[in-house]
Amino acid sequence: MKTRIVLAAFLISTFSSGVCFAQTENVPAADSSSLDFKQFGLLAIQEGGRRKPIDTFARETLIKLTGRSSYKAGAKTWPASDFLLSMLLDTHDWKAEPMILVSFGQLKAQLGLPAQQRRFSFAQLAALPELNRLAGEAHALRKAEKPLSRLQQEVMSVSERLSLFARVMDGSAFLLVPAAQKETDSWVVPPGFGQYYNETQFAPVQAKLQAMAEAYTRSDGFNFALAGRQLREGLRGLSPGIYPSEGKLALEYRYNHFDGFYRAAWCYGVALLLLVVCSVRVKSPRLKAIGVTVAVLGLLFHASAITMRCLIGGRPPVTNMYESIIWVSFAVSFFGMIFFARYRTTIYLLAALPVTLVALLLVHQMPIAMPSSIDPLVPVLRDNFWLTIHVLTITLSYAAFALAMGFGHILLWRYARNPSATRADQPMHFWLYRVLQLGVILLAAGTILGGVWANYSWGRFWGWDPKETWALIALLCYILTLHGRLAGWWTQFGLVVASVVCFLAVLMAWYGVNFVLGKGLHSYGFGIGGETYVASFVIADLLFVGFAIWRYRASKRVTSGAPEVAGERVAV
């Protein structure tokens, strides 16, 4: 297939003559599948207020456009870096490729798009006058700082995808040339090098840009990698104090390809399967030891990925929904392992591993609603002391309550199967009570510390902000649960039910305020999407709780003449 190479934005002129290389030439598009994109991926780019490897930018771009980390066009699967270079050099008709995500049904209906189709071409969407009209209205409302409806939010998302697509195609997104003196200065695209450097300084870099593009179009793996490495060295030579070090770029590239959370999810899944088999079928100490070992391996993968992310961002990983979920899911399994070590019962791991596994799978399946990008901190979060103390304490309490919720599901299942035997299992209820106590201590401390931070950041200790209000509601729900059990207001079964139902208050404080209400001073955590998953979970959970209550009451009626189980109404 013949393609047209357009390099006007990225490759500006040949090294020797200064003649623009972006002449229109018809050349065959070589197969780039065999190329190693590591050296290209290690090039630094400034985007979103951060300097990062272009490998990261390519991944984020593809996910923003399509909702996927790779894209299949025909028989070829395009990795992110290959896709990015192909768009820039115009080696594929990307404008006609149905790849831009439009998932909101109401928006598709208003635009007259097929309801069952989720991805559309740039050419198709850009030609819709109704989309342009809706985007104009949404932009005007955002500029006026007025609230947007869900439809308008989705319009803004689609508009941003189209804008990103256009900027990649015309090269304006490729801020590859570093500023000369100040870190706060903006980087520029290669044609704009004159803002910081003269032609003599930039000529070697220009030559490597051209060499890399030519090697890519010829699918010349050796020269493509060589030119990419030399280009990076040349760009760093222009501004050594501003261009990221090789170690920083390599760390983030390694993080991108390490897939630590994905590996952790596999380990958690295997460990859960082994422990379930060991619990219900084969009482094998060896199988149990293998399951625990695999769970520990999953924790190590999980911890390694979080550590790498912290080193890259220079902060704790709790500034958006994606980061809080990967952190809370880690803490759930970590708490489960700690309690397992303390009480020597795998019930804690059986409660923790499903919660962690579902959380990791959830963020993997929702890259648009919960983007994994490492973004700069908003001003209110830049005090790392309070960020570390308050936010980590709050999210650790979420982890403890999530563990209790998992524990509660196990006990409810046992109540549904054999209520009498479960009521008599005092240690299980004691262990659940301990987890709830931990969560209450952490949430109370985190809420108080949040007030201190609010006074520091906004000049008031408490303002009934939706986030603050729902954190208080969640805390009161769990305090009431523990106090009611201690006072004998309800039985052990009531404690189990509360451990599951009260987590809905945590879910509202954690997800609902940011993604459903979308109001308040905690706007840095707002987002859209995922309502279907969350609503399905809530409905299914309440149905399960209702079924367990029905089974419990039915068993109580059958055994109403029997004496009450010792300790049934005694404080744990």
Protein backbone atom coordinates (compact mmCIF):
# COMPACT_ATOMS: atom_id res chain seq x y z
CA MET A 1 0.00 0.00 0.00
CA LYS A 2 1.21 3.47 -0.90
CA THR A 3 1.10 6.09 1.80
CA ARG A 4 1.96 9.73 2.06
CA ILE A 5 4.62 10.70 4.61
CA VAL A 6 3.86 13.98 6.32
CA LEU A 7 6.60 15.20 8.63
CA ALA A 8 5.94 18.93 8.67
CA ALA A 9 5.36 19.13 12.41
CA PHE A 10 7.88 16.61 13.66
CA LEU A 11 10.72 16.57 11.13
CA ILE A 12 11.51 20.03 9.89
CA SER A 13 14.33 19.89 7.41
CA THR A 14 17.29 17.86 6.35
CA PHE A 15 20.53 18.26 8.24
CA SER A 16 22.72 19.43 5.43
CA SER A 17 20.61 21.68 3.27
CA GLY A 18 17.84 23.00 5.48
CA VAL A 19 15.35 21.92 2.81
CA CYS A 20 12.08 20.72 4.34
CA PHE A 21 11.97 16.94 4.46
CA ALA A 22 8.20 16.94 4.55
CA GLN A 23 7.98 16.70 0.81
CA THR A 24 5.18 14.61 -0.52
CA GLU A 25 6.63 11.24 -1.37
CA ASN A 26 4.77 8.06 -2.10
CA VAL A 27 6.57 5.20 -0.41
CA PRO A 28 5.40 1.74 0.59
CA ALA A 29 4.41 1.47 4.23
CA ALA A 30 6.76 -1.13 5.68
CA ASP A 31 5.53 -3.48 8.38
CA SER A 32 6.58 -1.97 11.70
CA SER A 33 5.53 -4.98 13.78
CA SER A 34 9.10 -6.21 14.19
CA LEU A 35 10.49 -2.90 15.47
CA ASP A 36 11.68 -2.48 19.05
CA PHE A 37 10.17 0.79 20.29
CA LYS A 38 12.10 1.00 23.55
CA GLN A 39 14.57 3.69 22.47
CA PHE A 40 11.78 5.73 20.93
CA GLY A 41 9.64 5.19 24.02
CA LEU A 42 12.40 6.56 26.27
CA LEU A 43 12.30 9.97 24.57
CA ALA A 44 10.99 12.62 26.94
CA ILE A 45 7.92 14.71 26.19
CA GLN A 46 6.20 17.46 28.13
CA GLU A 47 2.48 16.87 28.47
CA GLY A 48 -0.11 17.62 31.09
CA GLY A 49 2.32 19.62 33.20
CA ARG A 50 4.78 16.73 33.49
CA ARG A 51 7.88 15.47 31.71
CA LYS A 52 7.47 11.81 30.91
CA PRO A 53 8.65 9.13 28.47
CA ILE A 54 6.89 9.26 25.12
CA ASP A 55 5.98 5.62 25.80
CA THR A 56 3.74 6.87 28.62
CA PHE A 57 2.26 9.57 26.39
CA ALA A 58 1.54 7.00 23.67
CA ARG A 59 -0.24 4.68 26.10
CA GLU A 60 -2.29 7.47 27.64
CA THR A 61 -3.21 8.81 24.21
CA LEU A 62 -4.40 5.46 22.92
CA ILE A 63 -6.42 4.80 26.08
CA LYS A 64 -8.02 8.26 25.98
CA LEU A 65 -9.01 7.81 22.34
CA THR A 66 -10.12 4.18 22.35
CA GLY A 67 -10.38 3.01 25.95
CA ARG A 68 -7.75 0.35 25.20
CA SER A 69 -3.98 0.09 25.62
CA SER A 70 -3.54 -1.36 22.13
CA TYR A 71 -5.59 -1.14 18.96
CA LYS A 72 -6.42 -3.75 16.35
CA ALA A 73 -6.90 -2.53 12.79
CA GLY A 74 -7.52 -5.36 10.37
CA ALA A 75 -5.05 -8.16 10.98
CA LYS A 76 -2.55 -5.97 12.83
CA THR A 77 -2.53 -5.11 16.51
CA TRP A 78 -0.92 -1.71 17.03
CA PRO A 79 1.01 -1.16 20.26
CA ALA A 80 0.81 2.37 21.59
CA SER A 81 4.19 3.67 20.38
CA ASP A 82 3.72 2.19 16.91
CA PHE A 83 0.27 3.75 16.73
CA LEU A 84 1.62 7.16 17.77
CA LEU A 85 4.40 7.22 15.18
CA SER A 86 2.08 5.94 12.49
CA MET A 87 -0.37 8.75 13.20
CA LEU A 88 2.39 11.33 13.08
CA LEU A 89 3.97 10.03 9.88
CA ASP A 90 0.61 9.26 8.26
CA THR A 91 1.40 5.66 7.35
CA HIS A 92 -2.20 4.57 7.91
CA ASP A 93 -5.57 6.19 7.25
CA TRP A 94 -6.32 6.83 10.91
CA LYS A 95 -8.97 9.48 10.23
CA ALA A 96 -11.19 6.80 8.72
CA GLU A 97 -10.48 4.24 11.45
CA PRO A 98 -13.44 3.69 13.85
CA MET A 99 -11.42 4.12 17.03
CA ILE A 100 -12.72 7.12 18.99
CA LEU A 101 -14.82 6.01 21.93
CA VAL A 102 -18.40 7.28 22.30
CA SER A 103 -20.08 5.07 24.88
CA PHE A 104 -22.89 7.21 26.34
CA GLY A 105 -26.19 6.06 24.87
CA GLN A 106 -28.02 9.38 25.19
CA LEU A 107 -25.25 11.19 23.31
CA LYS A 108 -25.24 8.62 20.51
CA ALA A 109 -29.01 8.94 20.19
CA GLN A 110 -28.82 12.73 19.96
CA LEU A 111 -26.06 12.54 17.35
CA GLY A 112 -27.90 9.90 15.33
CA LEU A 113 -25.15 7.32 15.78
CA PRO A 114 -25.78 3.54 15.91
CA ALA A 115 -26.67 2.60 19.47
CA GLN A 116 -24.74 -0.69 19.45
CA GLN A 117 -21.51 0.80 18.10
CA ARG A 118 -19.02 2.17 20.64
CA ARG A 119 -16.23 3.56 18.46
CA PHE A 120 -16.38 5.89 15.49
CA SER A 121 -13.92 7.50 13.09
CA PHE A 122 -12.51 10.98 13.46
CA ALA A 123 -13.88 11.92 10.04
CA GLN A 124 -17.37 10.75 10.99
CA LEU A 125 -17.49 12.60 14.31
CA ALA A 126 -15.83 15.79 13.07
CA ALA A 127 -18.50 16.10 10.37
CA LEU A 128 -21.41 16.13 12.86
CA PRO A 129 -22.76 19.70 13.26
CA GLU A 130 -24.81 18.64 16.29
CA LEU A 131 -21.67 17.52 18.11
CA ASN A 132 -20.01 20.85 17.36
CA ARG A 133 -23.05 22.68 18.70
CA LEU A 134 -23.20 20.63 21.89
CA ALA A 135 -19.47 21.01 22.42
CA GLY A 136 -19.74 24.78 22.06
CA GLU A 137 -22.50 24.93 24.67
CA ALA A 138 -20.58 22.71 27.08
CA HIS A 139 -17.38 24.74 26.67
CA ALA A 140 -19.31 27.95 27.36
CA LEU A 141 -20.80 26.51 30.55
CA ARG A 142 -17.42 25.26 31.75
CA LYS A 143 -15.85 28.65 31.04
CA ALA A 144 -18.60 30.28 33.08
CA GLU A 145 -17.91 27.72 35.87
CA LYS A 146 -21.46 26.41 35.71
CA PRO A 147 -22.36 22.75 36.38
CA LEU A 148 -22.58 20.40 33.42
CA SER A 149 -25.18 17.70 32.91
CA ARG A 150 -24.03 14.12 32.32
CA LEU A 151 -24.69 14.56 28.60
CA GLN A 152 -22.57 17.70 28.51
CA GLN A 153 -19.77 16.00 30.43
CA GLU A 154 -19.75 13.19 27.87
CA VAL A 155 -19.75 15.75 25.05
CA MET A 156 -16.71 17.39 26.61
CA SER A 157 -14.97 14.03 26.81
CA VAL A 158 -15.61 13.28 23.14
CA SER A 159 -14.55 16.80 22.19
CA GLU A 160 -11.30 16.36 24.09
CA ARG A 161 -10.65 13.06 22.30
CA LEU A 162 -11.15 14.70 18.93
CA SER A 163 -8.85 17.55 19.91
CA LEU A 164 -6.17 15.13 21.09
CA PHE A 165 -6.47 13.13 17.87
CA ALA A 166 -6.02 16.30 15.81
CA ARG A 167 -3.02 17.47 17.84
CA VAL A 168 -1.28 14.13 17.40
CA MET A 169 -2.01 14.10 13.67
CA ASP A 170 -0.67 17.61 13.08
CA GLY A 171 2.29 17.16 15.44
CA SER A 172 1.41 19.96 17.85
CA ALA A 173 1.21 17.49 20.74
CA PHE A 174 4.88 16.51 20.39
CA LEU A 175 6.60 18.91 22.78
CA LEU A 176 9.97 17.16 22.52
CA VAL A 177 12.42 20.06 22.59
CA PRO A 178 13.27 21.07 26.18
CA ALA A 179 13.36 24.62 27.46
CA ALA A 180 16.83 26.10 27.67
CA GLN A 181 16.96 27.60 31.16
CA LYS A 182 13.86 27.35 33.38
CA GLU A 183 12.04 24.18 34.34
CA THR A 184 8.78 26.11 34.38
CA ASP A 185 9.14 27.13 30.72
CA SER A 186 7.14 25.22 28.15
CA TRP A 187 8.83 22.78 25.83
CA VAL A 188 8.32 23.24 22.10
CA VAL A 189 7.71 21.10 19.04
CA PRO A 190 10.76 20.57 16.80
CA PRO A 191 9.76 23.27 14.28
CA GLY A 192 9.72 25.77 17.14
CA PHE A 193 13.29 25.10 18.26
CA GLY A 194 14.22 28.69 17.41
CA GLN A 195 12.50 29.85 20.57
CA TYR A 196 15.42 28.46 22.59
CA TYR A 197 18.21 27.36 20.22
CA ASN A 198 19.91 28.43 17.01
CA GLU A 199 20.20 26.28 13.90
CA THR A 200 23.74 25.19 14.66
CA GLN A 201 22.75 23.88 18.09
CA PHE A 202 19.71 22.04 16.78
CA ALA A 203 21.17 20.61 13.56
CA PRO A 204 22.39 17.28 15.09
CA VAL A 205 19.01 16.73 16.71
CA GLN A 206 17.27 17.48 13.43
CA ALA A 207 19.37 14.89 11.64
CA LYS A 208 18.47 12.20 14.18
CA LEU A 209 14.79 13.07 13.93
CA GLN A 210 14.94 12.50 10.22
CA ALA A 211 16.99 9.31 10.56
CA MET A 212 14.54 7.84 13.04
CA ALA A 213 11.53 8.61 10.83
CA GLU A 214 13.20 7.15 7.77
CA ALA A 215 14.16 4.00 9.67
CA TYR A 216 10.58 3.62 10.91
CA THR A 217 9.06 3.89 7.44
CA ARG A 218 11.58 1.32 6.14
CA SER A 219 11.09 -0.93 9.19
CA ASP A 220 14.85 -0.79 9.78
CA GLY A 221 15.04 -2.02 13.37
CA PHE A 222 18.74 -1.42 13.98
CA ASN A 223 18.84 2.17 12.70
CA PHE A 224 15.48 2.97 14.27
CA ALA A 225 16.75 2.03 17.74
CA LEU A 226 20.12 3.70 17.14
CA ALA A 227 18.55 6.96 15.95
CA GLY A 228 16.13 6.94 18.88
CA ARG A 229 18.95 6.62 21.41
CA GLN A 230 21.09 9.25 19.69
CA LEU A 231 18.11 11.59 19.43
CA ARG A 232 17.52 11.30 23.17
CA GLU A 233 21.18 12.03 23.87
CA GLY A 234 21.06 15.03 21.55
CA LEU A 235 17.96 16.48 23.18
CA ARG A 236 19.46 16.00 26.63
CA GLY A 237 22.62 17.71 25.43
CA LEU A 238 20.60 20.82 24.56
CA SER A 239 19.46 21.26 28.17
CA PRO A 240 21.05 18.74 30.57
CA GLY A 241 19.60 20.38 33.67
CA ILE A 242 16.01 20.23 32.46
CA TYR A 243 15.81 17.08 30.36
CA PRO A 244 14.90 14.09 32.59
CA SER A 245 17.74 11.80 33.57
CA GLU A 246 18.14 8.41 31.96
CA GLY A 247 17.30 6.76 35.27
CA LYS A 248 13.97 8.58 35.63
CA LEU A 249 12.91 7.80 32.09
CA ALA A 250 13.97 4.17 32.43
CA LEU A 251 12.07 3.80 35.72
CA GLU A 252 8.80 4.99 34.22
CA TYR A 253 9.32 2.91 31.08
CA ARG A 254 9.95 -0.13 33.29
CA TYR A 255 6.82 0.65 35.30
CA ASN A 256 4.76 0.80 32.09
CA HIS A 257 5.96 -2.61 30.94
CA PHE A 258 6.23 -4.29 34.34
CA ASP A 259 2.43 -4.59 34.65
CA GLY A 260 2.79 -5.11 38.38
CA PHE A 261 -0.91 -4.72 39.14
CA TYR A 262 -1.84 -7.19 36.42
CA ARG A 263 0.65 -9.73 37.76
CA ALA A 264 -0.61 -9.13 41.27
CA ALA A 265 -4.19 -9.79 40.13
CA TRP A 266 -3.13 -13.13 38.64
CA CYS A 267 -1.39 -14.11 41.87
CA TYR A 268 -4.37 -13.09 43.98
CA GLY A 269 -6.68 -15.11 41.75
CA VAL A 270 -4.53 -18.24 41.92
CA ALA A 271 -4.05 -17.86 45.69
CA LEU A 272 -7.78 -17.44 46.21
CA LEU A 273 -8.53 -20.56 44.18
CA LEU A 274 -6.00 -22.63 46.13
CA LEU A 275 -7.24 -21.40 49.51
CA VAL A 276 -10.89 -22.00 48.58
CA VAL A 277 -10.06 -25.56 47.50
CA CYS A 278 -8.08 -26.04 50.69
CA SER A 279 -10.96 -24.69 52.76
CA VAL A 280 -13.87 -26.63 51.28
CA ARG A 281 -12.35 -29.70 49.65
CA VAL A 282 -8.80 -30.77 50.45
CA LYS A 283 -7.53 -30.10 53.96
CA SER A 284 -3.91 -30.00 52.91
CA PRO A 285 -1.35 -27.96 54.88
CA ARG A 286 0.92 -27.99 51.83
CA LEU A 287 -1.80 -26.60 49.57
CA LYS A 288 -2.56 -23.97 52.17
CA ALA A 289 1.13 -22.99 52.36
CA ILE A 290 1.31 -22.71 48.56
CA GLY A 291 -1.80 -20.52 48.51
CA VAL A 292 -0.41 -18.20 51.18
CA THR A 293 2.94 -18.03 49.37
CA VAL A 294 1.27 -17.06 46.08
CA ALA A 295 -0.75 -14.40 47.93
CA VAL A 296 2.49 -13.00 49.38
CA LEU A 297 3.96 -12.96 45.86
CA GLY A 298 0.93 -10.98 44.71
CA LEU A 299 1.49 -8.52 47.55
CA LEU A 300 5.11 -8.11 46.46
CA PHE A 301 4.10 -7.39 42.86
CA HIS A 302 1.45 -5.00 44.13
CA ALA A 303 3.85 -3.22 46.48
CA SER A 304 6.55 -3.00 43.81
CA ALA A 305 4.20 -1.32 41.33
CA ILE A 306 2.96 1.14 43.96
CA THR A 307 6.54 1.94 45.01
CA MET A 308 7.56 2.59 41.41
CA ARG A 309 4.55 4.84 40.95
CA CYS A 310 5.45 6.79 44.10
CA LEU A 311 9.03 7.27 42.89
CA ILE A 312 7.81 8.47 39.50
CA GLY A 313 5.23 10.89 40.89
CA GLY A 314 7.19 11.92 43.97
CA ARG A 315 4.12 11.52 46.18
CA PRO A 316 1.79 8.92 47.70
CA PRO A 317 -0.52 7.26 45.16
CA VAL A 318 -3.83 8.60 46.47
CA THR A 319 -4.68 11.69 44.41
CA ASN A 320 -7.31 10.21 42.08
CA MET A 321 -9.74 7.30 42.02
CA TYR A 322 -7.38 4.94 40.18
CA GLU A 323 -4.59 5.50 42.68
CA SER A 324 -6.84 5.24 45.70
CA ILE A 325 -8.26 1.92 44.47
CA ILE A 326 -4.86 0.34 43.84
CA TRP A 327 -3.69 1.58 47.25
CA VAL A 328 -6.81 0.50 49.15
CA SER A 329 -6.83 -2.89 47.43
CA PHE A 330 -3.21 -3.39 48.47
CA ALA A 331 -4.03 -2.41 52.05
CA VAL A 332 -6.96 -4.86 52.12
CA SER A 333 -4.67 -7.78 51.30
CA PHE A 334 -1.95 -6.43 53.57
CA PHE A 335 -4.37 -6.20 56.51
CA GLY A 336 -5.64 -9.67 55.65
CA MET A 337 -2.09 -11.00 55.77
CA ILE A 338 -1.41 -9.25 59.10
CA PHE A 339 -4.55 -10.68 60.69
CA PHE A 340 -3.72 -14.09 59.22
CA ALA A 341 -0.30 -13.95 60.84
CA ARG A 342 -1.86 -12.88 64.15
CA TYR A 343 -4.75 -15.34 64.37
CA ARG A 344 -3.44 -18.12 62.07
CA THR A 345 -6.68 -18.48 60.14
CA THR A 346 -7.01 -18.20 56.37
CA ILE A 347 -10.49 -16.71 56.71
CA TYR A 348 -8.89 -13.27 56.58
CA LEU A 349 -7.22 -14.07 53.27
CA LEU A 350 -10.43 -15.58 51.93
CA ALA A 351 -12.12 -12.28 52.82
CA ALA A 352 -9.35 -10.02 51.51
CA LEU A 353 -8.33 -11.65 48.22
CA PRO A 354 -11.72 -11.42 46.44
CA VAL A 355 -12.02 -7.73 47.36
CA THR A 356 -8.52 -6.97 46.11
CA LEU A 357 -8.97 -9.01 42.96
CA VAL A 358 -12.28 -7.36 42.04
CA ALA A 359 -10.81 -3.90 42.69
CA LEU A 360 -7.82 -4.50 40.41
CA LEU A 361 -10.00 -5.98 37.68
CA LEU A 362 -12.36 -3.02 37.98
CA VAL A 363 -9.70 -0.38 37.34
CA HIS A 364 -8.31 -2.52 34.53
CA GLN A 365 -11.73 -2.61 32.85
CA MET A 366 -12.47 1.11 33.32
CA PRO A 367 -9.45 3.04 31.97
CA ILE A 368 -11.59 5.97 30.83
CA ALA A 369 -13.51 6.50 34.08
CA MET A 370 -10.40 5.80 36.16
CA PRO A 371 -7.36 6.87 34.12
CA SER A 372 -4.03 5.55 35.34
CA SER A 373 -2.05 8.65 34.34
CA ILE A 374 0.33 10.13 36.91
CA ASP A 375 -0.75 13.76 36.99
CA PRO A 376 0.79 16.74 38.82
CA LEU A 377 -0.79 17.62 42.14
CA VAL A 378 -3.36 20.38 42.30
CA PRO A 379 -2.29 23.24 44.63
CA VAL A 380 -4.41 22.12 47.59
CA LEU A 381 -2.62 18.74 47.59
CA ARG A 382 0.93 20.01 47.33
CA ASP A 383 1.53 19.93 51.06
CA ASN A 384 2.89 16.40 51.11
CA PHE A 385 2.80 16.14 54.91
CA TRP A 386 -0.97 16.53 55.14
CA LEU A 387 -1.50 14.56 51.96
CA THR A 388 0.40 11.66 53.48
CA ILE A 389 -1.15 11.84 56.95
CA HIS A 390 -4.80 12.58 56.21
CA VAL A 391 -5.46 10.87 52.89
CA LEU A 392 -3.51 7.71 53.68
CA THR A 393 -5.27 7.37 57.03
CA ILE A 394 -8.71 7.75 55.45
CA THR A 395 -7.97 5.29 52.67
CA LEU A 396 -6.51 2.77 55.12
CA SER A 397 -9.83 2.91 56.98
CA TYR A 398 -11.59 2.15 53.69
CA ALA A 399 -9.32 -0.88 53.35
CA ALA A 400 -10.19 -2.13 56.83
CA PHE A 401 -13.90 -1.72 56.15
CA ALA A 402 -13.54 -3.42 52.76
CA LEU A 403 -11.87 -6.36 54.53
CA ALA A 404 -14.73 -6.41 57.04
CA MET A 405 -17.19 -6.32 54.15
CA GLY A 406 -15.49 -9.33 52.56
CA PHE A 407 -15.49 -11.07 55.94
CA GLY A 408 -19.17 -10.24 56.35
CA HIS A 409 -20.02 -11.82 53.00
CA ILE A 410 -18.36 -15.07 54.05
CA LEU A 411 -20.30 -15.12 57.30
CA LEU A 412 -23.57 -14.25 55.56
CA TRP A 413 -23.01 -17.12 53.14
CA ARG A 414 -22.44 -19.43 56.08
CA TYR A 415 -25.57 -18.12 57.78
CA ALA A 416 -27.51 -18.77 54.58
CA ARG A 417 -26.22 -22.35 54.39
CA ASN A 418 -26.15 -23.36 58.06
CA PRO A 419 -27.42 -20.64 60.42
CA SER A 420 -27.24 -22.69 63.61
CA ALA A 421 -23.63 -23.73 63.17
CA THR A 422 -22.57 -20.23 62.17
CA ARG A 423 -24.23 -18.64 65.21
CA ALA A 424 -22.19 -20.97 67.39
CA ASP A 425 -18.89 -19.98 65.72
CA GLN A 426 -17.79 -17.35 68.24
CA PRO A 427 -14.20 -16.85 66.95
CA MET A 428 -15.43 -15.81 63.50
CA HIS A 429 -17.53 -12.99 64.94
CA PHE A 430 -14.72 -11.95 67.24
CA TRP A 431 -12.33 -11.65 64.28
CA LEU A 432 -14.85 -9.55 62.36
CA TYR A 433 -15.28 -7.27 65.35
CA ARG A 434 -11.53 -6.69 65.51
CA VAL A 435 -11.39 -5.60 61.85
CA LEU A 436 -14.28 -3.18 62.39
CA GLN A 437 -12.51 -1.69 65.39
CA LEU A 438 -9.41 -1.05 63.29
CA GLY A 439 -11.47 0.67 60.61
CA VAL A 440 -13.26 2.94 63.11
CA ILE A 441 -9.98 4.02 64.70
CA LEU A 442 -8.46 4.87 61.32
CA LEU A 443 -11.55 6.65 59.97
CA ALA A 444 -11.97 8.71 63.15
CA ALA A 445 -8.32 9.74 63.07
CA GLY A 446 -8.47 10.48 59.35
CA THR A 447 -11.60 12.61 59.71
CA ILE A 448 -10.05 14.69 62.50
CA LEU A 449 -6.82 15.10 60.53
CA GLY A 450 -8.92 16.09 57.52
CA GLY A 451 -10.37 18.92 59.57
CA VAL A 452 -6.87 20.08 60.47
CA TRP A 453 -5.89 19.98 56.79
CA ALA A 454 -9.10 21.82 55.83
CA ASN A 455 -8.24 24.56 58.30
CA TYR A 456 -4.75 24.77 56.81
CA SER A 457 -5.95 24.75 53.18
CA TRP A 458 -9.33 26.49 53.25
CA GLY A 459 -9.32 28.37 56.53
CA ARG A 460 -12.02 26.37 58.31
CA PHE A 461 -12.00 23.11 60.25
CA TRP A 462 -15.40 21.88 59.06
CA GLY A 463 -17.70 23.11 56.32
CA TRP A 464 -20.20 20.31 55.63
CA ASP A 465 -18.61 19.69 52.27
CA PRO A 466 -20.17 16.53 50.70
CA LYS A 467 -16.93 14.60 51.16
CA GLU A 468 -16.67 15.62 54.81
CA THR A 469 -20.34 14.92 55.44
CA TRP A 470 -20.29 11.42 53.98
CA ALA A 471 -17.06 10.57 55.79
CA LEU A 472 -18.81 11.55 59.03
CA ILE A 473 -21.91 9.52 58.08
CA ALA A 474 -19.74 6.46 57.42
CA LEU A 475 -17.95 6.92 60.73
CA LEU A 476 -21.23 7.24 62.65
CA CYS A 477 -22.62 4.13 60.93
CA TYR A 478 -19.70 2.01 62.09
CA ILE A 479 -19.59 3.55 65.57
CA LEU A 480 -23.29 2.73 65.92
CA THR A 481 -22.57 -0.81 64.73
CA LEU A 482 -19.88 -1.42 67.34
CA HIS A 483 -21.72 0.35 70.14
CA GLY A 484 -24.95 -1.48 69.37
CA ARG A 485 -23.19 -4.82 69.56
CA LEU A 486 -21.43 -3.85 72.77
CA ALA A 487 -24.72 -2.67 74.31
CA GLY A 488 -26.53 -5.81 73.19
CA TRP A 489 -28.93 -3.96 70.87
CA TRP A 490 -28.44 -6.63 68.23
CA THR A 491 -26.99 -10.08 67.94
CA GLN A 492 -23.87 -11.31 66.22
CA PHE A 493 -25.88 -11.70 63.04
CA GLY A 494 -26.76 -8.00 63.19
CA LEU A 495 -23.05 -7.19 63.42
CA VAL A 496 -22.41 -9.27 60.30
CA VAL A 497 -25.20 -7.58 58.35
CA ALA A 498 -23.96 -4.15 59.42
CA SER A 499 -20.40 -4.94 58.29
CA VAL A 500 -21.77 -5.36 54.76
CA VAL A 501 -24.49 -2.70 54.66
CA CYS A 502 -22.42 0.03 56.31
CA PHE A 503 -19.83 -0.31 53.56
CA LEU A 504 -22.36 1.35 51.26
CA ALA A 505 -21.76 4.56 53.23
CA VAL A 506 -18.03 4.18 52.58
CA LEU A 507 -18.79 3.58 48.91
CA MET A 508 -20.79 6.80 48.81
CA ALA A 509 -18.03 8.79 50.52
CA TRP A 510 -15.37 7.24 48.31
CA TYR A 511 -17.04 6.92 44.91
CA GLY A 512 -20.46 8.57 45.11
CA VAL A 513 -19.32 12.05 46.10
CA ASN A 514 -16.75 12.20 43.31
CA PHE A 515 -18.59 10.42 40.51
CA VAL A 516 -22.29 10.87 41.31
CA LEU A 517 -22.65 14.16 43.22
CA GLY A 518 -19.60 15.83 41.67
CA LYS A 519 -19.85 18.77 44.06
CA GLY A 520 -17.71 20.28 46.77
CA LEU A 521 -14.16 21.41 47.41
CA HIS A 522 -12.72 17.97 46.66
CA SER A 523 -13.12 18.61 42.92
CA TYR A 524 -9.64 17.24 42.16
CA GLY A 525 -11.08 13.74 42.57
CA PHE A 526 -14.19 14.16 40.42
CA GLY A 527 -14.93 11.97 37.42
CA ILE A 528 -17.68 10.31 35.43
CA GLY A 529 -18.47 6.71 34.57
CA GLY A 530 -18.76 3.39 36.33
CA GLU A 531 -22.29 3.93 37.61
CA THR A 532 -23.51 0.69 36.03
CA TYR A 533 -20.85 -1.38 37.78
CA VAL A 534 -21.41 0.26 41.15
CA ALA A 535 -25.21 0.17 40.95
CA SER A 536 -25.12 -3.50 39.94
CA PHE A 537 -22.87 -4.28 42.91
CA VAL A 538 -25.13 -2.42 45.35
CA ILE A 539 -28.30 -4.10 44.08
CA ALA A 540 -26.75 -7.57 44.05
CA ASP A 541 -25.29 -7.02 47.50
CA LEU A 542 -28.59 -5.90 49.01
CA LEU A 543 -30.36 -8.88 47.44
CA PHE A 544 -27.76 -11.20 48.93
CA VAL A 545 -28.12 -9.58 52.36
CA GLY A 546 -31.89 -9.88 52.09
CA PHE A 547 -31.60 -13.57 51.23
CA ALA A 548 -29.28 -14.18 54.19
CA ILE A 549 -31.67 -12.37 56.55
CA TRP A 550 -34.58 -14.45 55.26
CA ARG A 551 -32.63 -17.68 55.80
CA TYR A 552 -31.57 -16.57 59.27
CA ARG A 553 -35.09 -15.70 60.36
CA ALA A 554 -36.44 -18.94 58.91
CA SER A 555 -33.91 -20.90 60.95
CA LYS A 556 -34.80 -18.92 64.07
CA ARG A 557 -38.45 -19.86 63.66
CA VAL A 558 -37.52 -23.53 63.33
CA THR A 559 -35.35 -23.44 66.45
CA SER A 560 -37.49 -21.00 68.43
CA GLY A 561 -37.99 -23.56 71.14
CA ALA A 562 -34.28 -24.23 71.56
CA PRO A 563 -32.21 -22.35 74.15
CA GLU A 564 -30.25 -19.35 72.90
CA VAL A 565 -26.66 -19.95 71.93
CA ALA A 566 -24.31 -19.03 74.72
CA GLY A 567 -22.85 -15.61 74.16
CA GLU A 568 -25.35 -14.70 71.42
CA ARG A 569 -26.16 -11.36 73.01
CA VAL A 570 -22.94 -10.90 74.92
CA ALA A 571 -20.51 -8.19 73.86
CA VAL A 572 -17.62 -9.39 71.77
